[in-house]
Amino acid sequence: MASCSSLFFVLFVFCFYSGVIPSFVEMACEPTTKAQFNHQSMLMCAVRPKQNIANLEIILVVWRKAGLENPVAVFDRRNVKPEYKKQQGYEFADHSLNTMNISLLISNTKLQHEGEYKCEVTTDSGTATHTTTLKVTAKYNTPTVRSIDQKDTPNAHKTLICEASGGYPEGQLRWFDENKTEWTKSAKLTENKRNDGLFELSSELPLLTGSTFSEYTCVVYNASHGKEDSASILLDIPSPLSEIKTPGSAIIAPVVVIGSLIVGLLMALLFFRRRSQRTHHEVSASDPDVDQSTIGSVNRKDSMA
């Protein structure tokens, strides 16, 4: 008789946990929770009766994370004194669980906390199970921009380098000039993952010789294509006239100077010659002793000259 009772009890427990016996409770959980790296996060879950049940009591709550063998948090009221078991960093948001709030609290969220979680609850009116997902994000630091002289890339005289780190998931660095024109396609992006799982981004933008833009801006975007921060750099762009150089410029300059001097001397000689001729005519006309025929002869000679 005792053996029959034991067998019946085993079958009852098996049916109870396998869900064969109807359950009068359900769980309401957020399907996805987004958490900030190094911040507190909470997986929201609560027990709800399917019908009006007075004095509903929670007996057992087990939180599990995919990939881990042991539960991350357990509440067990089957003993005389309720018992809590939890891994480091995890705890129940409501330790009494009298409010039917069985949410899981993570005190300092890291990348290893990201993933799928499963919550199993047993009450005096049935059982329920629900899964939820935690996604972790980290904001990138303010980017830094610097320029270096470029000798390896053909037709490029400088390269702009933009760097941003500490973000997750993988983001993107984009380039814009002072007119808001984008130059990202001309840049090379490099991503590296740090030991803590966060990303380091680096982008190199070569500047071709003769570039006329004096300002470039590097913008960091997160994995959701949202703008997080930016940094700009001002460049010294030389005047186009100062960049004009010809192979014979060292010879042309002295020739131009000498030519100018020669032209100046010729103009001075012509000026003094005409002035001398005018003075000569004035003197001849004012002297009565001068023979008019001589003056006419002189004038004819000057005209012929």
C-alpha atoms as a PDB file:
ATOM      1  CA  MET A   1       0.000   0.000   0.000  1.00  0.00           C
ATOM      2  CA  ALA A   2       2.877   2.321   0.862  1.00  0.00           C
ATOM      3  CA  SER A   3       4.576   1.522  -2.424  1.00  0.00           C
ATOM      4  CA  CYS A   4       1.409   2.419  -4.317  1.00  0.00           C
ATOM      5  CA  SER A   5       1.200   5.742  -2.490  1.00  0.00           C
ATOM      6  CA  SER A   6       4.818   6.523  -3.321  1.00  0.00           C
ATOM      7  CA  LEU A   7       4.261   5.678  -6.960  1.00  0.00           C
ATOM      8  CA  PHE A   8       1.186   7.895  -7.065  1.00  0.00           C
ATOM      9  CA  PHE A   9       3.162  10.757  -5.538  1.00  0.00           C
ATOM     10  CA  VAL A  10       5.966  10.399  -8.082  1.00  0.00           C
ATOM     11  CA  LEU A  11       3.467  10.375 -10.929  1.00  0.00           C
ATOM     12  CA  PHE A  12       1.742  13.452  -9.496  1.00  0.00           C
ATOM     13  CA  VAL A  13       5.005  15.389  -9.238  1.00  0.00           C
ATOM     14  CA  PHE A  14       5.999  14.354 -12.769  1.00  0.00           C
ATOM     15  CA  CYS A  15       2.663  15.477 -14.175  1.00  0.00           C
ATOM     16  CA  PHE A  16       2.806  18.716 -12.205  1.00  0.00           C
ATOM     17  CA  TYR A  17       6.230  19.733 -13.534  1.00  0.00           C
ATOM     18  CA  SER A  18       5.601  18.449 -17.057  1.00  0.00           C
ATOM     19  CA  GLY A  19       2.594  20.725 -17.393  1.00  0.00           C
ATOM     20  CA  VAL A  20      -0.009  17.973 -17.743  1.00  0.00           C
ATOM     21  CA  ILE A  21      -1.917  19.346 -14.765  1.00  0.00           C
ATOM     22  CA  PRO A  22      -3.553  22.652 -15.786  1.00  0.00           C
ATOM     23  CA  SER A  23      -1.858  25.767 -14.459  1.00  0.00           C
ATOM     24  CA  PHE A  24      -3.822  28.785 -13.308  1.00  0.00           C
ATOM     25  CA  VAL A  25      -0.913  31.227 -13.488  1.00  0.00           C
ATOM     26  CA  GLU A  26       1.117  32.849 -16.241  1.00  0.00           C
ATOM     27  CA  MET A  27       4.151  35.137 -16.521  1.00  0.00           C
ATOM     28  CA  ALA A  28       4.408  38.604 -18.009  1.00  0.00           C
ATOM     29  CA  CYS A  29       7.962  39.495 -19.033  1.00  0.00           C
ATOM     30  CA  GLU A  30       9.645  42.057 -21.250  1.00  0.00           C
ATOM     31  CA  PRO A  31      10.748  40.140 -24.371  1.00  0.00           C
ATOM     32  CA  THR A  32      13.960  42.192 -24.733  1.00  0.00           C
ATOM     33  CA  THR A  33      15.841  44.402 -22.317  1.00  0.00           C
ATOM     34  CA  LYS A  34      18.547  46.842 -23.426  1.00  0.00           C
ATOM     35  CA  ALA A  35      21.189  47.600 -20.825  1.00  0.00           C
ATOM     36  CA  GLN A  36      24.120  50.007 -20.668  1.00  0.00           C
ATOM     37  CA  PHE A  37      27.598  48.639 -20.022  1.00  0.00           C
ATOM     38  CA  ASN A  38      28.716  49.219 -16.402  1.00  0.00           C
ATOM     39  CA  HIS A  39      25.169  50.182 -15.383  1.00  0.00           C
ATOM     40  CA  GLN A  40      22.438  48.421 -13.434  1.00  0.00           C
ATOM     41  CA  SER A  41      19.906  46.455 -15.472  1.00  0.00           C
ATOM     42  CA  MET A  42      16.727  44.518 -14.722  1.00  0.00           C
ATOM     43  CA  LEU A  43      14.907  41.679 -16.468  1.00  0.00           C
ATOM     44  CA  MET A  44      11.265  42.533 -15.768  1.00  0.00           C
ATOM     45  CA  CYS A  45       9.011  39.559 -14.959  1.00  0.00           C
ATOM     46  CA  ALA A  46       5.859  39.121 -12.855  1.00  0.00           C
ATOM     47  CA  VAL A  47       3.472  36.280 -12.016  1.00  0.00           C
ATOM     48  CA  ARG A  48      -0.185  36.743 -12.928  1.00  0.00           C
ATOM     49  CA  PRO A  49      -3.126  34.475 -12.090  1.00  0.00           C
ATOM     50  CA  LYS A  50      -5.330  33.484 -15.008  1.00  0.00           C
ATOM     51  CA  GLN A  51      -8.381  33.880 -12.821  1.00  0.00           C
ATOM     52  CA  ASN A  52      -9.234  35.435  -9.493  1.00  0.00           C
ATOM     53  CA  ILE A  53      -7.131  33.491  -6.979  1.00  0.00           C
ATOM     54  CA  ALA A  54      -6.923  34.681  -3.408  1.00  0.00           C
ATOM     55  CA  ASN A  55      -3.651  34.405  -1.491  1.00  0.00           C
ATOM     56  CA  LEU A  56      -1.577  33.134  -4.420  1.00  0.00           C
ATOM     57  CA  GLU A  57       1.774  31.963  -3.079  1.00  0.00           C
ATOM     58  CA  ILE A  58       5.065  31.598  -4.932  1.00  0.00           C
ATOM     59  CA  ILE A  59       6.919  28.446  -3.954  1.00  0.00           C
ATOM     60  CA  LEU A  60       9.927  28.283  -6.285  1.00  0.00           C
ATOM     61  CA  VAL A  61      11.599  30.661  -8.771  1.00  0.00           C
ATOM     62  CA  VAL A  62      14.596  29.667 -10.878  1.00  0.00           C
ATOM     63  CA  TRP A  63      16.448  32.031 -13.265  1.00  0.00           C
ATOM     64  CA  ARG A  64      18.771  30.408 -15.805  1.00  0.00           C
ATOM     65  CA  LYS A  65      21.079  31.885 -18.437  1.00  0.00           C
ATOM     66  CA  ALA A  66      21.724  30.117 -21.710  1.00  0.00           C
ATOM     67  CA  GLY A  67      25.210  28.622 -21.762  1.00  0.00           C
ATOM     68  CA  LEU A  68      25.564  28.336 -17.985  1.00  0.00           C
ATOM     69  CA  GLU A  69      25.118  25.015 -16.199  1.00  0.00           C
ATOM     70  CA  ASN A  70      23.947  26.371 -12.849  1.00  0.00           C
ATOM     71  CA  PRO A  71      21.077  28.812 -12.260  1.00  0.00           C
ATOM     72  CA  VAL A  72      22.017  32.451 -11.737  1.00  0.00           C
ATOM     73  CA  ALA A  73      19.325  33.006  -9.052  1.00  0.00           C
ATOM     74  CA  VAL A  74      16.996  30.709  -7.057  1.00  0.00           C
ATOM     75  CA  PHE A  75      14.229  31.433  -4.547  1.00  0.00           C
ATOM     76  CA  ASP A  76      12.970  28.353  -2.670  1.00  0.00           C
ATOM     77  CA  ARG A  77      10.149  28.449  -0.140  1.00  0.00           C
ATOM     78  CA  ARG A  78       9.696  24.731   0.231  1.00  0.00           C
ATOM     79  CA  ASN A  79      11.689  24.753   3.451  1.00  0.00           C
ATOM     80  CA  VAL A  80      10.633  26.312   6.718  1.00  0.00           C
ATOM     81  CA  LYS A  81      12.760  29.364   5.971  1.00  0.00           C
ATOM     82  CA  PRO A  82      12.871  30.772   2.394  1.00  0.00           C
ATOM     83  CA  GLU A  83      16.225  30.195   0.769  1.00  0.00           C
ATOM     84  CA  TYR A  84      18.035  32.374  -1.780  1.00  0.00           C
ATOM     85  CA  LYS A  85      20.815  31.204  -4.046  1.00  0.00           C
ATOM     86  CA  LYS A  86      22.490  33.497  -6.557  1.00  0.00           C
ATOM     87  CA  GLN A  87      25.646  33.961  -8.536  1.00  0.00           C
ATOM     88  CA  GLN A  88      27.744  37.086  -8.079  1.00  0.00           C
ATOM     89  CA  GLY A  89      26.151  40.148  -9.637  1.00  0.00           C
ATOM     90  CA  TYR A  90      22.611  38.707  -9.699  1.00  0.00           C
ATOM     91  CA  GLU A  91      19.753  39.161  -7.223  1.00  0.00           C
ATOM     92  CA  PHE A  92      15.972  39.405  -7.054  1.00  0.00           C
ATOM     93  CA  ALA A  93      14.507  42.874  -7.345  1.00  0.00           C
ATOM     94  CA  ASP A  94      11.909  41.988  -4.656  1.00  0.00           C
ATOM     95  CA  HIS A  95      13.316  39.625  -2.037  1.00  0.00           C
ATOM     96  CA  SER A  96       9.946  38.868  -0.491  1.00  0.00           C
ATOM     97  CA  LEU A  97       8.256  38.064  -3.837  1.00  0.00           C
ATOM     98  CA  ASN A  98       4.925  38.783  -2.111  1.00  0.00           C
ATOM     99  CA  THR A  99       4.076  41.316  -4.821  1.00  0.00           C
ATOM    100  CA  MET A 100       4.462  38.625  -7.520  1.00  0.00           C
ATOM    101  CA  ASN A 101       7.445  40.584  -8.848  1.00  0.00           C
ATOM    102  CA  ILE A 102      10.115  38.019  -9.745  1.00  0.00           C
ATOM    103  CA  SER A 103      12.331  40.378 -11.794  1.00  0.00           C
ATOM    104  CA  LEU A 104      16.064  39.660 -11.952  1.00  0.00           C
ATOM    105  CA  LEU A 105      18.454  42.500 -11.077  1.00  0.00           C
ATOM    106  CA  ILE A 106      22.021  42.745 -12.432  1.00  0.00           C
ATOM    107  CA  SER A 107      24.051  45.212 -10.375  1.00  0.00           C
ATOM    108  CA  ASN A 108      26.881  45.974 -12.851  1.00  0.00           C
ATOM    109  CA  THR A 109      26.137  44.871 -16.388  1.00  0.00           C
ATOM    110  CA  LYS A 110      29.009  43.457 -18.439  1.00  0.00           C
ATOM    111  CA  LEU A 111      29.164  41.896 -21.877  1.00  0.00           C
ATOM    112  CA  GLN A 112      29.113  38.389 -20.378  1.00  0.00           C
ATOM    113  CA  HIS A 113      25.627  39.120 -19.025  1.00  0.00           C
ATOM    114  CA  GLU A 114      24.264  39.490 -22.545  1.00  0.00           C
ATOM    115  CA  GLY A 115      22.150  36.595 -23.818  1.00  0.00           C
ATOM    116  CA  GLU A 116      18.918  34.664 -23.330  1.00  0.00           C
ATOM    117  CA  TYR A 117      17.434  34.042 -19.877  1.00  0.00           C
ATOM    118  CA  LYS A 118      14.746  31.584 -18.796  1.00  0.00           C
ATOM    119  CA  CYS A 119      12.579  32.004 -15.724  1.00  0.00           C
ATOM    120  CA  GLU A 120      10.696  29.055 -14.168  1.00  0.00           C
ATOM    121  CA  VAL A 121       8.127  29.679 -11.434  1.00  0.00           C
ATOM    122  CA  THR A 122       6.119  27.275  -9.261  1.00  0.00           C
ATOM    123  CA  THR A 123       3.119  28.457  -7.253  1.00  0.00           C
ATOM    124  CA  ASP A 124       0.418  26.769  -5.197  1.00  0.00           C
ATOM    125  CA  SER A 125      -1.862  27.198  -8.227  1.00  0.00           C
ATOM    126  CA  GLY A 126       0.390  25.943 -11.025  1.00  0.00           C
ATOM    127  CA  THR A 127       3.645  26.625 -12.903  1.00  0.00           C
ATOM    128  CA  ALA A 128       4.809  28.928 -15.684  1.00  0.00           C
ATOM    129  CA  THR A 129       7.923  29.440 -17.807  1.00  0.00           C
ATOM    130  CA  HIS A 130       9.099  32.398 -19.847  1.00  0.00           C
ATOM    131  CA  THR A 131      12.231  33.462 -21.753  1.00  0.00           C
ATOM    132  CA  THR A 132      13.642  36.941 -22.218  1.00  0.00           C
ATOM    133  CA  THR A 133      16.735  38.454 -23.842  1.00  0.00           C
ATOM    134  CA  LEU A 134      19.254  40.937 -22.495  1.00  0.00           C
ATOM    135  CA  LYS A 135      21.194  43.107 -24.965  1.00  0.00           C
ATOM    136  CA  VAL A 136      24.168  45.160 -23.773  1.00  0.00           C
ATOM    137  CA  THR A 137      25.347  48.381 -25.389  1.00  0.00           C
ATOM    138  CA  ALA A 138      28.285  50.681 -24.638  1.00  0.00           C
ATOM    139  CA  LYS A 139      28.743  54.249 -25.845  1.00  0.00           C
ATOM    140  CA  TYR A 140      31.931  55.151 -27.705  1.00  0.00           C
ATOM    141  CA  ASN A 141      34.282  57.757 -26.287  1.00  0.00           C
ATOM    142  CA  THR A 142      34.654  61.141 -28.004  1.00  0.00           C
ATOM    143  CA  PRO A 143      36.748  60.517 -31.146  1.00  0.00           C
ATOM    144  CA  THR A 144      40.168  62.100 -31.647  1.00  0.00           C
ATOM    145  CA  VAL A 145      41.475  63.345 -35.016  1.00  0.00           C
ATOM    146  CA  ARG A 146      45.070  63.983 -36.052  1.00  0.00           C
ATOM    147  CA  SER A 147      47.028  64.376 -39.307  1.00  0.00           C
ATOM    148  CA  ILE A 148      50.295  62.858 -40.442  1.00  0.00           C
ATOM    149  CA  ASP A 149      52.461  63.452 -43.512  1.00  0.00           C
ATOM    150  CA  GLN A 150      51.876  60.797 -46.135  1.00  0.00           C
ATOM    151  CA  LYS A 151      54.683  59.350 -48.223  1.00  0.00           C
ATOM    152  CA  ASP A 152      53.449  55.842 -49.004  1.00  0.00           C
ATOM    153  CA  THR A 153      50.142  56.659 -50.740  1.00  0.00           C
ATOM    154  CA  PRO A 154      50.494  57.981 -54.321  1.00  0.00           C
ATOM    155  CA  ASN A 155      49.164  61.539 -54.943  1.00  0.00           C
ATOM    156  CA  ALA A 156      48.501  62.026 -51.203  1.00  0.00           C
ATOM    157  CA  HIS A 157      50.365  64.561 -49.073  1.00  0.00           C
ATOM    158  CA  LYS A 158      48.587  63.980 -45.737  1.00  0.00           C
ATOM    159  CA  THR A 159      46.457  61.358 -43.981  1.00  0.00           C
ATOM    160  CA  LEU A 160      43.802  62.109 -41.376  1.00  0.00           C
ATOM    161  CA  ILE A 161      43.424  59.525 -38.594  1.00  0.00           C
ATOM    162  CA  CYS A 162      40.289  59.279 -36.439  1.00  0.00           C
ATOM    163  CA  GLU A 163      40.084  56.979 -33.389  1.00  0.00           C
ATOM    164  CA  ALA A 164      37.236  56.079 -31.010  1.00  0.00           C
ATOM    165  CA  SER A 165      37.050  53.283 -28.425  1.00  0.00           C
ATOM    166  CA  GLY A 166      34.969  51.760 -25.638  1.00  0.00           C
ATOM    167  CA  GLY A 167      31.840  51.040 -27.675  1.00  0.00           C
ATOM    168  CA  TYR A 168      29.658  47.987 -28.229  1.00  0.00           C
ATOM    169  CA  PRO A 169      28.375  46.555 -30.532  1.00  0.00           C
ATOM    170  CA  GLU A 170      30.615  47.394 -33.482  1.00  0.00           C
ATOM    171  CA  GLY A 171      30.061  50.942 -34.748  1.00  0.00           C
ATOM    172  CA  GLN A 172      31.325  53.076 -37.626  1.00  0.00           C
ATOM    173  CA  LEU A 173      33.434  56.198 -38.237  1.00  0.00           C
ATOM    174  CA  ARG A 174      32.337  58.548 -41.023  1.00  0.00           C
ATOM    175  CA  TRP A 175      34.090  61.578 -42.584  1.00  0.00           C
ATOM    176  CA  PHE A 176      32.599  64.913 -43.697  1.00  0.00           C
ATOM    177  CA  ASP A 177      34.190  68.088 -45.080  1.00  0.00           C
ATOM    178  CA  GLU A 178      33.257  71.679 -44.235  1.00  0.00           C
ATOM    179  CA  ASN A 179      30.426  71.557 -46.823  1.00  0.00           C
ATOM    180  CA  LYS A 180      28.892  68.433 -45.213  1.00  0.00           C
ATOM    181  CA  THR A 181      30.005  66.274 -48.142  1.00  0.00           C
ATOM    182  CA  GLU A 182      30.807  62.738 -47.029  1.00  0.00           C
ATOM    183  CA  TRP A 183      34.210  61.152 -47.751  1.00  0.00           C
ATOM    184  CA  THR A 184      33.793  57.854 -45.880  1.00  0.00           C
ATOM    185  CA  LYS A 185      34.182  55.755 -49.049  1.00  0.00           C
ATOM    186  CA  SER A 186      37.717  57.121 -49.472  1.00  0.00           C
ATOM    187  CA  ALA A 187      38.698  56.094 -45.930  1.00  0.00           C
ATOM    188  CA  LYS A 188      39.841  52.765 -44.472  1.00  0.00           C
ATOM    189  CA  LEU A 189      38.123  51.543 -41.283  1.00  0.00           C
ATOM    190  CA  THR A 190      39.824  49.164 -38.828  1.00  0.00           C
ATOM    191  CA  GLU A 191      38.051  47.442 -35.895  1.00  0.00           C
ATOM    192  CA  ASN A 192      39.739  45.763 -32.937  1.00  0.00           C
ATOM    193  CA  LYS A 193      38.146  44.046 -29.937  1.00  0.00           C
ATOM    194  CA  ARG A 194      39.646  44.697 -26.508  1.00  0.00           C
ATOM    195  CA  ASN A 195      40.016  42.164 -23.719  1.00  0.00           C
ATOM    196  CA  ASP A 196      36.787  43.387 -22.133  1.00  0.00           C
ATOM    197  CA  GLY A 197      34.921  42.810 -25.417  1.00  0.00           C
ATOM    198  CA  LEU A 198      34.506  46.485 -26.307  1.00  0.00           C
ATOM    199  CA  PHE A 199      35.545  47.771 -29.723  1.00  0.00           C
ATOM    200  CA  GLU A 200      38.274  50.159 -30.835  1.00  0.00           C
ATOM    201  CA  LEU A 201      37.668  51.916 -34.175  1.00  0.00           C
ATOM    202  CA  SER A 202      40.261  53.619 -36.365  1.00  0.00           C
ATOM    203  CA  SER A 203      39.718  55.299 -39.740  1.00  0.00           C
ATOM    204  CA  GLU A 204      42.357  56.683 -42.123  1.00  0.00           C
ATOM    205  CA  LEU A 205      41.437  59.265 -44.773  1.00  0.00           C
ATOM    206  CA  PRO A 206      44.220  60.124 -47.290  1.00  0.00           C
ATOM    207  CA  LEU A 207      44.171  63.703 -48.622  1.00  0.00           C
ATOM    208  CA  LEU A 208      45.142  64.114 -52.254  1.00  0.00           C
ATOM    209  CA  THR A 209      47.608  66.802 -53.290  1.00  0.00           C
ATOM    210  CA  GLY A 210      45.766  70.001 -54.064  1.00  0.00           C
ATOM    211  CA  SER A 211      42.905  69.395 -51.633  1.00  0.00           C
ATOM    212  CA  THR A 212      41.139  72.696 -50.955  1.00  0.00           C
ATOM    213  CA  PHE A 213      39.075  71.786 -47.866  1.00  0.00           C
ATOM    214  CA  SER A 214      40.307  73.380 -44.670  1.00  0.00           C
ATOM    215  CA  GLU A 215      38.137  71.415 -42.196  1.00  0.00           C
ATOM    216  CA  TYR A 216      37.194  67.746 -41.807  1.00  0.00           C
ATOM    217  CA  THR A 217      34.876  66.188 -39.221  1.00  0.00           C
ATOM    218  CA  CYS A 218      34.913  62.594 -37.987  1.00  0.00           C
ATOM    219  CA  VAL A 219      31.592  61.280 -36.609  1.00  0.00           C
ATOM    220  CA  VAL A 220      31.173  58.055 -34.620  1.00  0.00           C
ATOM    221  CA  TYR A 221      27.943  56.088 -35.112  1.00  0.00           C
ATOM    222  CA  ASN A 222      26.710  53.171 -32.997  1.00  0.00           C
ATOM    223  CA  ALA A 223      25.465  49.824 -34.288  1.00  0.00           C
ATOM    224  CA  SER A 224      21.946  51.259 -34.654  1.00  0.00           C
ATOM    225  CA  HIS A 225      23.308  53.995 -36.986  1.00  0.00           C
ATOM    226  CA  GLY A 226      22.746  56.652 -34.338  1.00  0.00           C
ATOM    227  CA  LYS A 227      25.196  59.552 -34.060  1.00  0.00           C
ATOM    228  CA  GLU A 228      27.069  59.505 -30.744  1.00  0.00           C
ATOM    229  CA  ASP A 229      29.854  62.104 -30.953  1.00  0.00           C
ATOM    230  CA  SER A 230      32.210  63.906 -33.349  1.00  0.00           C
ATOM    231  CA  ALA A 231      35.538  65.736 -33.625  1.00  0.00           C
ATOM    232  CA  SER A 232      36.916  68.166 -36.233  1.00  0.00           C
ATOM    233  CA  ILE A 233      40.352  69.183 -37.467  1.00  0.00           C
ATOM    234  CA  LEU A 234      41.456  72.414 -39.192  1.00  0.00           C
ATOM    235  CA  LEU A 235      44.138  72.273 -41.878  1.00  0.00           C
ATOM    236  CA  ASP A 236      46.479  74.981 -43.194  1.00  0.00           C
ATOM    237  CA  ILE A 237      45.676  75.164 -46.907  1.00  0.00           C
ATOM    238  CA  PRO A 238      48.346  77.179 -48.863  1.00  0.00           C
ATOM    239  CA  SER A 239      47.274  79.772 -51.470  1.00  0.00           C
ATOM    240  CA  PRO A 240      47.016  78.305 -54.998  1.00  0.00           C
ATOM    241  CA  LEU A 241      49.423  80.983 -56.318  1.00  0.00           C
ATOM    242  CA  SER A 242      52.078  79.976 -53.828  1.00  0.00           C
ATOM    243  CA  GLU A 243      51.982  76.423 -55.094  1.00  0.00           C
ATOM    244  CA  ILE A 244      52.650  77.368 -58.769  1.00  0.00           C
ATOM    245  CA  LYS A 245      56.195  76.364 -59.643  1.00  0.00           C
ATOM    246  CA  THR A 246      57.888  76.084 -63.066  1.00  0.00           C
ATOM    247  CA  PRO A 247      61.207  74.460 -63.913  1.00  0.00           C
ATOM    248  CA  GLY A 248      62.687  77.797 -65.137  1.00  0.00           C
ATOM    249  CA  SER A 249      61.374  79.993 -62.368  1.00  0.00           C
ATOM    250  CA  ALA A 250      64.901  80.558 -61.016  1.00  0.00           C
ATOM    251  CA  ILE A 251      65.982  81.913 -64.430  1.00  0.00           C
ATOM    252  CA  ILE A 252      62.837  83.816 -65.406  1.00  0.00           C
ATOM    253  CA  ALA A 253      62.865  86.080 -62.357  1.00  0.00           C
ATOM    254  CA  PRO A 254      66.343  87.665 -63.022  1.00  0.00           C
ATOM    255  CA  VAL A 255      65.532  88.028 -66.736  1.00  0.00           C
ATOM    256  CA  VAL A 256      62.332  89.914 -65.923  1.00  0.00           C
ATOM    257  CA  VAL A 257      64.217  92.251 -63.573  1.00  0.00           C
ATOM    258  CA  ILE A 258      66.996  92.955 -66.091  1.00  0.00           C
ATOM    259  CA  GLY A 259      64.468  93.498 -68.869  1.00  0.00           C
ATOM    260  CA  SER A 260      62.594  95.980 -66.735  1.00  0.00           C
ATOM    261  CA  LEU A 261      65.800  97.925 -66.076  1.00  0.00           C
ATOM    262  CA  ILE A 262      66.666  98.038 -69.773  1.00  0.00           C
ATOM    263  CA  VAL A 263      63.193  99.306 -70.689  1.00  0.00           C
ATOM    264  CA  GLY A 264      63.475 101.938 -67.967  1.00  0.00           C
ATOM    265  CA  LEU A 265      66.851 103.148 -69.253  1.00  0.00           C
ATOM    266  CA  LEU A 266      65.587 103.371 -72.853  1.00  0.00           C
ATOM    267  CA  MET A 267      62.577 105.393 -71.766  1.00  0.00           C
ATOM    268  CA  ALA A 268      64.825 107.726 -69.757  1.00  0.00           C
ATOM    269  CA  LEU A 269      67.182 108.286 -72.742  1.00  0.00           C
ATOM    270  CA  LEU A 270      64.212 109.007 -75.024  1.00  0.00           C
ATOM    271  CA  PHE A 271      62.810 111.477 -72.500  1.00  0.00           C
ATOM    272  CA  PHE A 272      66.107 113.379 -72.159  1.00  0.00           C
ATOM    273  CA  ARG A 273      66.586 113.438 -75.952  1.00  0.00           C
ATOM    274  CA  ARG A 274      63.193 114.969 -76.578  1.00  0.00           C
ATOM    275  CA  ARG A 275      63.748 117.471 -73.796  1.00  0.00           C
ATOM    276  CA  SER A 276      67.132 118.479 -75.318  1.00  0.00           C
ATOM    277  CA  GLN A 277      65.555 118.997 -78.731  1.00  0.00           C
ATOM    278  CA  ARG A 278      62.785 121.184 -77.302  1.00  0.00           C
ATOM    279  CA  THR A 279      65.329 123.353 -75.441  1.00  0.00           C
ATOM    280  CA  HIS A 280      67.410 123.765 -78.600  1.00  0.00           C
ATOM    281  CA  HIS A 281      64.399 125.008 -80.600  1.00  0.00           C
ATOM    282  CA  GLU A 282      63.445 127.507 -77.937  1.00  0.00           C
ATOM    283  CA  VAL A 283      66.946 129.017 -77.796  1.00  0.00           C
ATOM    284  CA  SER A 284      67.200 129.377 -81.576  1.00  0.00           C
ATOM    285  CA  ALA A 285      63.823 131.111 -81.869  1.00  0.00           C
ATOM    286  CA  SER A 286      64.624 133.725 -79.209  1.00  0.00           C
ATOM    287  CA  ASP A 287      68.088 134.771 -80.558  1.00  0.00           C
ATOM    288  CA  PRO A 288      67.784 137.560 -83.255  1.00  0.00           C
ATOM    289  CA  ASP A 289      71.312 137.015 -84.472  1.00  0.00           C
ATOM    290  CA  VAL A 290      70.565 133.562 -85.613  1.00  0.00           C
ATOM    291  CA  ASP A 291      70.113 133.210 -89.358  1.00  0.00           C
ATOM    292  CA  GLN A 292      66.563 132.075 -90.171  1.00  0.00           C
ATOM    293  CA  SER A 293      67.759 130.090 -93.131  1.00  0.00           C
ATOM    294  CA  THR A 294      70.103 128.258 -90.798  1.00  0.00           C
ATOM    295  CA  ILE A 295      67.228 127.484 -88.451  1.00  0.00           C
ATOM    296  CA  GLY A 296      65.144 126.166 -91.296  1.00  0.00           C
ATOM    297  CA  SER A 297      68.011 124.049 -92.449  1.00  0.00           C
ATOM    298  CA  VAL A 298      68.457 122.648 -88.972  1.00  0.00           C
ATOM    299  CA  ASN A 299      64.752 121.924 -88.652  1.00  0.00           C
ATOM    300  CA  ARG A 300      64.740 120.102 -91.989  1.00  0.00           C
ATOM    301  CA  LYS A 301      67.687 118.001 -90.850  1.00  0.00           C
ATOM    302  CA  ASP A 302      65.933 117.190 -87.575  1.00  0.00           C
ATOM    303  CA  SER A 303      62.797 116.224 -89.437  1.00  0.00           C
ATOM    304  CA  MET A 304      64.752 113.994 -91.725  1.00  0.00           C
ATOM    305  CA  ALA A 305      66.519 112.501 -88.738  1.00  0.00           C
END
